[in-house]
Amino acid sequence: MPEGTIIKGIGGFYYVKTDSGIVECRARGKFRKSTDTPLVGDNVIIQLSENDHTKGSIEKILPRTIQLVRPAVANVNQLLVVFALHSPEPNLLLADKFLVAAESKGLDVVLCINKIDLDEDRNRFKELYNIYKIAGYKVIGTSCKTMEGIEELREALRNKITAFAGSSGVGKSSLLNAIDQRFSLQTGEISKKIERGRHTTRHVELLELDGGGFVVDTPGFSTFELMDISASKLQYYFREFEPYIPYCRFSSCSHTSEPGCAVIEALNNGAICTSRYENYIQFYNQLKNKKEWEK
C-alpha cells in the first residue's frame, strides 16, 4: 500500500500527496472511535480504491515527531513568527508567547518583521531586530512591496516544514504569495477602524515549496495561551536567560526579585532586553497563579 503525506483536510476528506499524485481519502471508521485522528502533516499509509486510484482510504498513521494543538498539525519542525512594523502595530507579547511555545516543543524558530517599507528611517526595525537578535533568534526583515528579504526568507524555509504564526493582518498570506506565486492565496485588507485583519484563511493546509519543504498556511491568530508549561520551567524557554541561570545565588531562583539573581543583573547590564524580561514576568505570574489555582 502506498505512503503519503496529508497536505489538506477539509469536510471529512484528506488529501494525501503520494509519489503518484494527490489522492482524496476518507479515514477508516476505526479512527472515528479513536482519539488518534489524522492531521495535516501526518505521514500515512493508504489503500487505493479499486476503480479510481485518485481516491482511497487512510489505513494507518505513521509515528509523529511532533503534534501541535493550534494549529492542529503534525510533524512541523520550524515556526516562523511574523509581525508587522505597522498596521497592525507589533504585538511583542503575542510574539513572545509563540516563541515560548516553539521552544517548549523543540521547534526551530525564525522571526519575520514584515512591512519594513513602512519604516522609512528603519529605526523601529533596528530596535525590534536587536531585541530578538540579542535573544538568539534569526530575524529577517521583509517587504512584499519591494520584495526585500524575500529571498532570504525562501532560504530559511528550504527543506523545512514551517508553520506561520502571527496576528491577523501582519501579512502572512502576502508573504506566502511573494515566496511562491503559485500559491495565489487570498489576502485580506486591514480594517482601519480596528486595525485587525479579517481572517482570510479557513483551513490548515501544507503548501509545497518549489525549492523543497512545506509551509503550513493556517488561520490567523489573535489569541494564544501557554499550555502545559510550568512556571518553574518557563525560564528555560527564554534563550537569553540560559547563560546566566547557573550563576544565580539560589538554585530555585525565579528571576523575579531574588537577591543575587544573575538574570536580573544581566538585564540591568543590558544583556537582556527589557521587553522580553517584562513579558517573562507576565507569563511567570500567569503560570504561577494557574498552578496555585489547580491545587
C-alpha atoms as a PDB file:
ATOM      1  CA  MET A   1       0.000   0.000   0.000  1.00  0.00           C
ATOM      2  CA  PRO A   2       1.341   3.471  -0.860  1.00  0.00           C
ATOM      3  CA  GLU A   3       2.559   6.014   1.680  1.00  0.00           C
ATOM      4  CA  GLY A   4       1.993   9.735   1.555  1.00  0.00           C
ATOM      5  CA  THR A   5       1.610  12.966   3.499  1.00  0.00           C
ATOM      6  CA  ILE A   6      -1.690  14.645   4.327  1.00  0.00           C
ATOM      7  CA  ILE A   7      -1.460  18.131   2.837  1.00  0.00           C
ATOM      8  CA  LYS A   8      -5.040  19.238   3.454  1.00  0.00           C
ATOM      9  CA  GLY A   9      -8.062  18.147   5.451  1.00  0.00           C
ATOM     10  CA  ILE A  10     -11.488  19.622   4.864  1.00  0.00           C
ATOM     11  CA  GLY A  11     -15.064  18.409   5.233  1.00  0.00           C
ATOM     12  CA  GLY A  12     -14.042  14.920   6.318  1.00  0.00           C
ATOM     13  CA  PHE A  13     -11.771  14.438   3.298  1.00  0.00           C
ATOM     14  CA  TYR A  14      -7.989  14.188   3.497  1.00  0.00           C
ATOM     15  CA  TYR A  15      -5.800  14.986   0.518  1.00  0.00           C
ATOM     16  CA  VAL A  16      -2.690  12.828   0.574  1.00  0.00           C
ATOM     17  CA  LYS A  17       0.379  13.631  -1.519  1.00  0.00           C
ATOM     18  CA  THR A  18       1.989  10.431  -2.807  1.00  0.00           C
ATOM     19  CA  ASP A  19       4.689   9.704  -5.373  1.00  0.00           C
ATOM     20  CA  SER A  20       1.905   9.159  -7.901  1.00  0.00           C
ATOM     21  CA  GLY A  21      -0.034  12.350  -7.159  1.00  0.00           C
ATOM     22  CA  ILE A  22      -2.761  13.609  -4.821  1.00  0.00           C
ATOM     23  CA  VAL A  23      -5.246  11.047  -3.503  1.00  0.00           C
ATOM     24  CA  GLU A  24      -8.550  12.074  -1.938  1.00  0.00           C
ATOM     25  CA  CYS A  25      -9.081   9.905   1.115  1.00  0.00           C
ATOM     26  CA  ARG A  26     -11.551   9.194   3.860  1.00  0.00           C
ATOM     27  CA  ALA A  27     -10.339   7.962   7.230  1.00  0.00           C
ATOM     28  CA  ARG A  28     -11.217   4.405   8.159  1.00  0.00           C
ATOM     29  CA  GLY A  29     -14.044   4.044  10.679  1.00  0.00           C
ATOM     30  CA  LYS A  30     -11.609   2.933  13.367  1.00  0.00           C
ATOM     31  CA  PHE A  31     -10.202   6.478  13.529  1.00  0.00           C
ATOM     32  CA  ARG A  32     -13.618   7.920  14.378  1.00  0.00           C
ATOM     33  CA  LYS A  33     -13.612   5.785  17.518  1.00  0.00           C
ATOM     34  CA  SER A  34     -10.080   6.806  18.434  1.00  0.00           C
ATOM     35  CA  THR A  35      -8.520  10.000  19.773  1.00  0.00           C
ATOM     36  CA  ASP A  36      -5.703   9.492  17.257  1.00  0.00           C
ATOM     37  CA  THR A  37      -7.351  11.152  14.274  1.00  0.00           C
ATOM     38  CA  PRO A  38      -5.446  12.100  11.097  1.00  0.00           C
ATOM     39  CA  LEU A  39      -3.877  15.548  10.999  1.00  0.00           C
ATOM     40  CA  VAL A  40      -2.434  17.676   8.251  1.00  0.00           C
ATOM     41  CA  GLY A  41       1.275  16.842   8.139  1.00  0.00           C
ATOM     42  CA  ASP A  42       0.764  13.192   9.070  1.00  0.00           C
ATOM     43  CA  ASN A  43       2.624  10.569   7.101  1.00  0.00           C
ATOM     44  CA  VAL A  44       0.112   7.837   6.380  1.00  0.00           C
ATOM     45  CA  ILE A  45      -0.396   4.511   4.657  1.00  0.00           C
ATOM     46  CA  ILE A  46      -3.392   4.486   2.342  1.00  0.00           C
ATOM     47  CA  GLN A  47      -5.477   1.954   0.431  1.00  0.00           C
ATOM     48  CA  LEU A  48      -6.357   2.997  -3.121  1.00  0.00           C
ATOM     49  CA  SER A  49      -9.865   2.488  -4.473  1.00  0.00           C
ATOM     50  CA  GLU A  50     -10.034  -0.402  -6.956  1.00  0.00           C
ATOM     51  CA  ASN A  51     -11.946   1.622  -9.532  1.00  0.00           C
ATOM     52  CA  ASP A  52     -10.312   5.030  -9.080  1.00  0.00           C
ATOM     53  CA  HIS A  53      -6.711   5.468  -7.968  1.00  0.00           C
ATOM     54  CA  THR A  54      -7.300   9.160  -7.240  1.00  0.00           C
ATOM     55  CA  LYS A  55      -9.434   8.100  -4.264  1.00  0.00           C
ATOM     56  CA  GLY A  56      -8.730   5.919  -1.279  1.00  0.00           C
ATOM     57  CA  SER A  57      -8.789   5.500   2.477  1.00  0.00           C
ATOM     58  CA  ILE A  58      -6.301   6.147   5.266  1.00  0.00           C
ATOM     59  CA  GLU A  59      -5.301   2.827   6.823  1.00  0.00           C
ATOM     60  CA  LYS A  60      -2.547   3.814   9.247  1.00  0.00           C
ATOM     61  CA  ILE A  61      -0.969   6.946  10.721  1.00  0.00           C
ATOM     62  CA  LEU A  62       2.824   6.630  10.933  1.00  0.00           C
ATOM     63  CA  PRO A  63       4.616   7.830  14.096  1.00  0.00           C
ATOM     64  CA  ARG A  64       4.676  11.606  14.562  1.00  0.00           C
ATOM     65  CA  THR A  65       7.729  13.609  15.522  1.00  0.00           C
ATOM     66  CA  ILE A  66       5.543  16.375  16.975  1.00  0.00           C
ATOM     67  CA  GLN A  67       1.905  17.362  17.253  1.00  0.00           C
ATOM     68  CA  LEU A  68       0.615  20.902  17.634  1.00  0.00           C
ATOM     69  CA  VAL A  69      -2.834  21.636  19.006  1.00  0.00           C
ATOM     70  CA  ARG A  70      -3.304  25.042  17.468  1.00  0.00           C
ATOM     71  CA  PRO A  71      -2.938  24.826  14.568  1.00  0.00           C
ATOM     72  CA  ALA A  72      -3.817  21.119  14.520  1.00  0.00           C
ATOM     73  CA  VAL A  73      -0.871  19.853  12.504  1.00  0.00           C
ATOM     74  CA  ALA A  74       1.768  17.137  12.806  1.00  0.00           C
ATOM     75  CA  ASN A  75       5.481  16.852  12.049  1.00  0.00           C
ATOM     76  CA  VAL A  76       6.232  20.568  11.835  1.00  0.00           C
ATOM     77  CA  ASN A  77       9.898  21.299  12.598  1.00  0.00           C
ATOM     78  CA  GLN A  78      10.050  25.095  12.328  1.00  0.00           C
ATOM     79  CA  LEU A  79       7.935  28.065  13.388  1.00  0.00           C
ATOM     80  CA  LEU A  80       8.012  31.370  11.518  1.00  0.00           C
ATOM     81  CA  VAL A  81       6.749  34.121  13.817  1.00  0.00           C
ATOM     82  CA  VAL A  82       5.517  37.065  11.749  1.00  0.00           C
ATOM     83  CA  PHE A  83       4.694  40.547  12.975  1.00  0.00           C
ATOM     84  CA  ALA A  84       4.408  43.845  11.142  1.00  0.00           C
ATOM     85  CA  LEU A  85       6.142  47.126  11.853  1.00  0.00           C
ATOM     86  CA  HIS A  86       2.864  48.987  11.390  1.00  0.00           C
ATOM     87  CA  SER A  87      -0.782  48.311  10.592  1.00  0.00           C
ATOM     88  CA  PRO A  88      -1.219  46.449  12.871  1.00  0.00           C
ATOM     89  CA  GLU A  89       1.287  47.620  15.448  1.00  0.00           C
ATOM     90  CA  PRO A  90       3.744  44.964  16.700  1.00  0.00           C
ATOM     91  CA  ASN A  91       2.333  42.695  19.393  1.00  0.00           C
ATOM     92  CA  LEU A  92       5.508  41.567  21.153  1.00  0.00           C
ATOM     93  CA  LEU A  93       3.596  39.850  23.949  1.00  0.00           C
ATOM     94  CA  LEU A  94       1.957  37.555  21.404  1.00  0.00           C
ATOM     95  CA  ALA A  95       5.248  37.080  19.553  1.00  0.00           C
ATOM     96  CA  ASP A  96       6.936  36.005  22.788  1.00  0.00           C
ATOM     97  CA  LYS A  97       4.084  33.601  23.537  1.00  0.00           C
ATOM     98  CA  PHE A  98       4.712  31.955  20.169  1.00  0.00           C
ATOM     99  CA  LEU A  99       8.425  31.764  20.922  1.00  0.00           C
ATOM    100  CA  VAL A 100       7.859  30.142  24.315  1.00  0.00           C
ATOM    101  CA  ALA A 101       5.508  27.604  22.731  1.00  0.00           C
ATOM    102  CA  ALA A 102       8.050  26.857  19.991  1.00  0.00           C
ATOM    103  CA  GLU A 103      10.875  26.440  22.491  1.00  0.00           C
ATOM    104  CA  SER A 104       8.762  24.112  24.626  1.00  0.00           C
ATOM    105  CA  LYS A 105       8.127  21.938  21.551  1.00  0.00           C
ATOM    106  CA  GLY A 106      11.753  21.950  20.413  1.00  0.00           C
ATOM    107  CA  LEU A 107      10.987  23.724  17.141  1.00  0.00           C
ATOM    108  CA  ASP A 108      13.477  25.786  15.168  1.00  0.00           C
ATOM    109  CA  VAL A 109      12.369  29.424  15.071  1.00  0.00           C
ATOM    110  CA  VAL A 110      12.701  32.295  12.602  1.00  0.00           C
ATOM    111  CA  LEU A 111      11.267  35.762  13.253  1.00  0.00           C
ATOM    112  CA  CYS A 112       9.966  37.767  10.314  1.00  0.00           C
ATOM    113  CA  ILE A 113       9.445  41.521  10.696  1.00  0.00           C
ATOM    114  CA  ASN A 114       7.152  42.372   7.789  1.00  0.00           C
ATOM    115  CA  LYS A 115       6.140  45.656   6.117  1.00  0.00           C
ATOM    116  CA  ILE A 116       9.558  47.247   6.641  1.00  0.00           C
ATOM    117  CA  ASP A 117       8.820  49.548   3.707  1.00  0.00           C
ATOM    118  CA  LEU A 118       6.557  51.463   6.120  1.00  0.00           C
ATOM    119  CA  ASP A 119       9.579  52.387   8.253  1.00  0.00           C
ATOM    120  CA  GLU A 120      11.453  54.992   6.223  1.00  0.00           C
ATOM    121  CA  ASP A 121      14.350  55.609   8.594  1.00  0.00           C
ATOM    122  CA  ARG A 122      14.428  51.945   9.743  1.00  0.00           C
ATOM    123  CA  ASN A 123      14.804  52.970  13.388  1.00  0.00           C
ATOM    124  CA  ARG A 124      11.819  50.907  14.523  1.00  0.00           C
ATOM    125  CA  PHE A 125      13.038  47.926  12.513  1.00  0.00           C
ATOM    126  CA  LYS A 126      16.518  48.171  14.050  1.00  0.00           C
ATOM    127  CA  GLU A 127      15.004  48.333  17.534  1.00  0.00           C
ATOM    128  CA  LEU A 128      12.901  45.189  17.056  1.00  0.00           C
ATOM    129  CA  TYR A 129      15.682  43.411  15.164  1.00  0.00           C
ATOM    130  CA  ASN A 130      18.095  43.979  18.065  1.00  0.00           C
ATOM    131  CA  ILE A 131      15.614  42.729  20.691  1.00  0.00           C
ATOM    132  CA  TYR A 132      15.354  39.310  19.066  1.00  0.00           C
ATOM    133  CA  LYS A 133      18.896  39.116  17.737  1.00  0.00           C
ATOM    134  CA  ILE A 134      20.167  39.605  21.292  1.00  0.00           C
ATOM    135  CA  ALA A 135      17.738  36.885  22.400  1.00  0.00           C
ATOM    136  CA  GLY A 136      19.433  34.478  19.977  1.00  0.00           C
ATOM    137  CA  TYR A 137      16.973  34.276  17.084  1.00  0.00           C
ATOM    138  CA  LYS A 138      17.346  34.540  13.345  1.00  0.00           C
ATOM    139  CA  VAL A 139      15.492  37.691  12.295  1.00  0.00           C
ATOM    140  CA  ILE A 140      14.519  38.603   8.732  1.00  0.00           C
ATOM    141  CA  GLY A 141      13.044  41.921   7.637  1.00  0.00           C
ATOM    142  CA  THR A 142      10.667  41.669   4.687  1.00  0.00           C
ATOM    143  CA  SER A 143       8.512  43.765   2.398  1.00  0.00           C
ATOM    144  CA  CYS A 144       6.066  42.281  -0.082  1.00  0.00           C
ATOM    145  CA  LYS A 145       6.010  45.599  -1.942  1.00  0.00           C
ATOM    146  CA  THR A 146       9.754  45.930  -2.505  1.00  0.00           C
ATOM    147  CA  MET A 147      10.495  42.166  -2.181  1.00  0.00           C
ATOM    148  CA  GLU A 148      13.229  42.987   0.314  1.00  0.00           C
ATOM    149  CA  GLY A 149      14.182  39.951   2.385  1.00  0.00           C
ATOM    150  CA  ILE A 150      12.008  37.523   0.391  1.00  0.00           C
ATOM    151  CA  GLU A 151      14.926  35.529  -0.991  1.00  0.00           C
ATOM    152  CA  GLU A 152      16.448  35.237   2.492  1.00  0.00           C
ATOM    153  CA  LEU A 153      13.082  34.039   3.778  1.00  0.00           C
ATOM    154  CA  ARG A 154      12.856  31.431   0.981  1.00  0.00           C
ATOM    155  CA  GLU A 155      16.239  30.097   2.025  1.00  0.00           C
ATOM    156  CA  ALA A 156      15.190  29.900   5.696  1.00  0.00           C
ATOM    157  CA  LEU A 157      12.156  27.797   4.691  1.00  0.00           C
ATOM    158  CA  ARG A 158      14.016  25.445   2.358  1.00  0.00           C
ATOM    159  CA  ASN A 159      13.639  21.738   3.230  1.00  0.00           C
ATOM    160  CA  LYS A 160      11.713  22.537   6.429  1.00  0.00           C
ATOM    161  CA  ILE A 161       8.074  22.038   7.394  1.00  0.00           C
ATOM    162  CA  THR A 162       7.304  25.508   8.681  1.00  0.00           C
ATOM    163  CA  ALA A 163       4.201  26.823  10.399  1.00  0.00           C
ATOM    164  CA  PHE A 164       3.437  30.530  10.038  1.00  0.00           C
ATOM    165  CA  ALA A 165       2.222  32.249  13.213  1.00  0.00           C
ATOM    166  CA  GLY A 166       1.141  35.807  13.819  1.00  0.00           C
ATOM    167  CA  SER A 167      -1.821  38.103  14.326  1.00  0.00           C
ATOM    168  CA  SER A 168      -4.323  38.632  11.539  1.00  0.00           C
ATOM    169  CA  GLY A 169      -3.248  41.354   9.162  1.00  0.00           C
ATOM    170  CA  VAL A 170       0.523  41.070   9.578  1.00  0.00           C
ATOM    171  CA  GLY A 171       0.818  39.802   6.009  1.00  0.00           C
ATOM    172  CA  LYS A 172       1.274  36.028   6.260  1.00  0.00           C
ATOM    173  CA  SER A 173      -0.711  35.290   3.098  1.00  0.00           C
ATOM    174  CA  SER A 174       1.027  38.105   1.211  1.00  0.00           C
ATOM    175  CA  LEU A 175       4.392  36.686   2.280  1.00  0.00           C
ATOM    176  CA  LEU A 176       3.413  33.235   1.024  1.00  0.00           C
ATOM    177  CA  ASN A 177       2.368  34.725  -2.304  1.00  0.00           C
ATOM    178  CA  ALA A 178       5.691  36.581  -2.527  1.00  0.00           C
ATOM    179  CA  ILE A 179       7.660  33.435  -1.706  1.00  0.00           C
ATOM    180  CA  ASP A 180       5.895  31.403  -4.383  1.00  0.00           C
ATOM    181  CA  GLN A 181       3.403  32.989  -6.779  1.00  0.00           C
ATOM    182  CA  ARG A 182       1.800  29.596  -7.415  1.00  0.00           C
ATOM    183  CA  PHE A 183       0.110  29.845  -4.029  1.00  0.00           C
ATOM    184  CA  SER A 184      -2.051  32.846  -5.076  1.00  0.00           C
ATOM    185  CA  LEU A 185      -3.638  32.936  -1.644  1.00  0.00           C
ATOM    186  CA  GLN A 186      -6.463  35.304  -0.868  1.00  0.00           C
ATOM    187  CA  THR A 187      -5.168  38.272   1.075  1.00  0.00           C
ATOM    188  CA  GLY A 188      -7.222  40.361   3.470  1.00  0.00           C
ATOM    189  CA  GLU A 189      -7.491  44.088   3.910  1.00  0.00           C
ATOM    190  CA  ILE A 190      -6.763  45.670   7.252  1.00  0.00           C
ATOM    191  CA  SER A 191      -9.703  47.233   8.973  1.00  0.00           C
ATOM    192  CA  LYS A 192      -8.622  50.833   9.537  1.00  0.00           C
ATOM    193  CA  LYS A 193     -11.214  51.182  12.249  1.00  0.00           C
ATOM    194  CA  ILE A 194      -9.988  48.379  14.494  1.00  0.00           C
ATOM    195  CA  GLU A 195      -6.573  47.671  12.922  1.00  0.00           C
ATOM    196  CA  ARG A 196      -7.207  43.977  12.838  1.00  0.00           C
ATOM    197  CA  GLY A 197      -7.132  41.841   9.739  1.00  0.00           C
ATOM    198  CA  ARG A 198     -10.137  39.925   8.542  1.00  0.00           C
ATOM    199  CA  HIS A 199      -9.485  36.196   8.709  1.00  0.00           C
ATOM    200  CA  THR A 200      -8.922  35.026   5.161  1.00  0.00           C
ATOM    201  CA  THR A 201      -7.505  31.530   5.709  1.00  0.00           C
ATOM    202  CA  ARG A 202     -10.178  28.949   6.539  1.00  0.00           C
ATOM    203  CA  HIS A 203      -8.371  25.636   6.918  1.00  0.00           C
ATOM    204  CA  VAL A 204      -4.937  24.224   7.631  1.00  0.00           C
ATOM    205  CA  GLU A 205      -3.002  23.247   4.530  1.00  0.00           C
ATOM    206  CA  LEU A 206       0.546  22.173   3.675  1.00  0.00           C
ATOM    207  CA  LEU A 207       1.867  24.141   0.703  1.00  0.00           C
ATOM    208  CA  GLU A 208       4.845  22.627  -1.107  1.00  0.00           C
ATOM    209  CA  LEU A 209       7.719  24.996  -1.824  1.00  0.00           C
ATOM    210  CA  ASP A 210       9.379  24.941  -5.201  1.00  0.00           C
ATOM    211  CA  GLY A 211      12.837  24.779  -3.616  1.00  0.00           C
ATOM    212  CA  GLY A 212      11.935  21.973  -1.200  1.00  0.00           C
ATOM    213  CA  GLY A 213       9.959  21.829   2.007  1.00  0.00           C
ATOM    214  CA  PHE A 214       6.446  22.808   3.029  1.00  0.00           C
ATOM    215  CA  VAL A 215       4.797  25.739   4.733  1.00  0.00           C
ATOM    216  CA  VAL A 216       1.681  25.381   6.858  1.00  0.00           C
ATOM    217  CA  ASP A 217      -0.886  28.009   5.974  1.00  0.00           C
ATOM    218  CA  THR A 218      -3.133  28.456   8.995  1.00  0.00           C
ATOM    219  CA  PRO A 219      -5.936  30.725  10.169  1.00  0.00           C
ATOM    220  CA  GLY A 220      -4.699  33.987  11.676  1.00  0.00           C
ATOM    221  CA  PHE A 221      -4.112  34.058  15.405  1.00  0.00           C
ATOM    222  CA  SER A 222      -5.473  36.774  17.622  1.00  0.00           C
ATOM    223  CA  THR A 223      -5.049  34.953  20.942  1.00  0.00           C
ATOM    224  CA  PHE A 224      -2.712  32.300  22.181  1.00  0.00           C
ATOM    225  CA  GLU A 225      -2.462  30.611  25.549  1.00  0.00           C
ATOM    226  CA  LEU A 226       0.567  28.956  27.110  1.00  0.00           C
ATOM    227  CA  MET A 227      -0.334  25.318  27.586  1.00  0.00           C
ATOM    228  CA  ASP A 228       1.314  22.567  29.616  1.00  0.00           C
ATOM    229  CA  ILE A 229       4.174  24.781  30.807  1.00  0.00           C
ATOM    230  CA  SER A 230       5.028  25.145  34.483  1.00  0.00           C
ATOM    231  CA  ALA A 231       6.191  28.435  35.964  1.00  0.00           C
ATOM    232  CA  SER A 232       9.472  26.835  37.047  1.00  0.00           C
ATOM    233  CA  LYS A 233      10.232  25.607  33.511  1.00  0.00           C
ATOM    234  CA  LEU A 234       9.448  28.907  31.802  1.00  0.00           C
ATOM    235  CA  GLN A 235      12.977  30.255  32.354  1.00  0.00           C
ATOM    236  CA  TYR A 236      14.399  27.598  30.015  1.00  0.00           C
ATOM    237  CA  TYR A 237      12.234  28.828  27.138  1.00  0.00           C
ATOM    238  CA  PHE A 238      13.859  32.259  27.120  1.00  0.00           C
ATOM    239  CA  ARG A 239      17.102  31.597  25.274  1.00  0.00           C
ATOM    240  CA  GLU A 240      18.938  34.659  26.534  1.00  0.00           C
ATOM    241  CA  PHE A 241      18.480  33.568  30.165  1.00  0.00           C
ATOM    242  CA  GLU A 242      20.411  30.333  29.687  1.00  0.00           C
ATOM    243  CA  PRO A 243      23.988  31.637  30.158  1.00  0.00           C
ATOM    244  CA  TYR A 244      23.063  33.312  33.460  1.00  0.00           C
ATOM    245  CA  ILE A 245      20.782  30.810  35.186  1.00  0.00           C
ATOM    246  CA  PRO A 246      23.654  28.700  36.662  1.00  0.00           C
ATOM    247  CA  TYR A 247      25.106  31.786  38.347  1.00  0.00           C
ATOM    248  CA  CYS A 248      22.037  32.770  40.368  1.00  0.00           C
ATOM    249  CA  ARG A 249      22.613  32.641  44.129  1.00  0.00           C
ATOM    250  CA  PHE A 250      19.645  30.340  44.647  1.00  0.00           C
ATOM    251  CA  SER A 251      19.072  27.207  42.577  1.00  0.00           C
ATOM    252  CA  SER A 252      15.330  27.785  42.806  1.00  0.00           C
ATOM    253  CA  CYS A 253      15.604  31.391  41.596  1.00  0.00           C
ATOM    254  CA  SER A 254      12.517  32.571  39.719  1.00  0.00           C
ATOM    255  CA  HIS A 255      14.367  35.636  38.357  1.00  0.00           C
ATOM    256  CA  THR A 256      11.614  37.902  39.586  1.00  0.00           C
ATOM    257  CA  SER A 257      13.003  39.572  42.736  1.00  0.00           C
ATOM    258  CA  GLU A 258      15.575  37.321  44.419  1.00  0.00           C
ATOM    259  CA  PRO A 259      18.894  38.795  45.625  1.00  0.00           C
ATOM    260  CA  GLY A 260      21.904  37.561  43.711  1.00  0.00           C
ATOM    261  CA  CYS A 261      19.891  36.822  40.561  1.00  0.00           C
ATOM    262  CA  ALA A 262      22.276  36.691  37.605  1.00  0.00           C
ATOM    263  CA  VAL A 263      19.416  37.103  35.113  1.00  0.00           C
ATOM    264  CA  ILE A 264      18.321  40.393  36.724  1.00  0.00           C
ATOM    265  CA  GLU A 265      21.950  41.518  36.780  1.00  0.00           C
ATOM    266  CA  ALA A 266      22.216  40.759  33.050  1.00  0.00           C
ATOM    267  CA  LEU A 267      19.010  42.730  32.496  1.00  0.00           C
ATOM    268  CA  ASN A 268      20.457  45.728  34.353  1.00  0.00           C
ATOM    269  CA  ASN A 269      23.648  45.471  32.282  1.00  0.00           C
ATOM    270  CA  GLY A 270      21.697  45.495  29.005  1.00  0.00           C
ATOM    271  CA  ALA A 271      22.455  41.876  28.056  1.00  0.00           C
ATOM    272  CA  ILE A 272      18.734  41.015  28.265  1.00  0.00           C
ATOM    273  CA  CYS A 273      16.131  43.293  26.672  1.00  0.00           C
ATOM    274  CA  THR A 274      13.560  44.912  28.944  1.00  0.00           C
ATOM    275  CA  SER A 275      10.520  43.960  26.825  1.00  0.00           C
ATOM    276  CA  ARG A 276      11.494  40.298  26.829  1.00  0.00           C
ATOM    277  CA  TYR A 277      12.052  40.279  30.582  1.00  0.00           C
ATOM    278  CA  GLU A 278       8.759  42.083  31.255  1.00  0.00           C
ATOM    279  CA  ASN A 279       6.920  39.511  29.157  1.00  0.00           C
ATOM    280  CA  TYR A 280       8.675  36.740  31.078  1.00  0.00           C
ATOM    281  CA  ILE A 281       7.396  38.237  34.330  1.00  0.00           C
ATOM    282  CA  GLN A 282       3.865  38.442  32.962  1.00  0.00           C
ATOM    283  CA  PHE A 283       3.941  34.835  31.760  1.00  0.00           C
ATOM    284  CA  TYR A 284       5.526  33.654  35.013  1.00  0.00           C
ATOM    285  CA  ASN A 285       2.810  35.241  37.130  1.00  0.00           C
ATOM    286  CA  GLN A 286       0.076  33.799  34.919  1.00  0.00           C
ATOM    287  CA  LEU A 287       1.544  30.304  35.102  1.00  0.00           C
ATOM    288  CA  LYS A 288       2.251  30.533  38.824  1.00  0.00           C
ATOM    289  CA  ASN A 289      -1.320  31.617  39.563  1.00  0.00           C
ATOM    290  CA  LYS A 290      -2.691  28.890  37.326  1.00  0.00           C
ATOM    291  CA  LYS A 291      -0.677  26.270  39.160  1.00  0.00           C
ATOM    292  CA  GLU A 292      -1.876  27.506  42.562  1.00  0.00           C
ATOM    293  CA  TRP A 293      -5.474  27.562  41.345  1.00  0.00           C
ATOM    294  CA  GLU A 294      -5.214  23.986  40.111  1.00  0.00           C
ATOM    295  CA  LYS A 295      -4.060  22.895  43.542  1.00  0.00           C
END
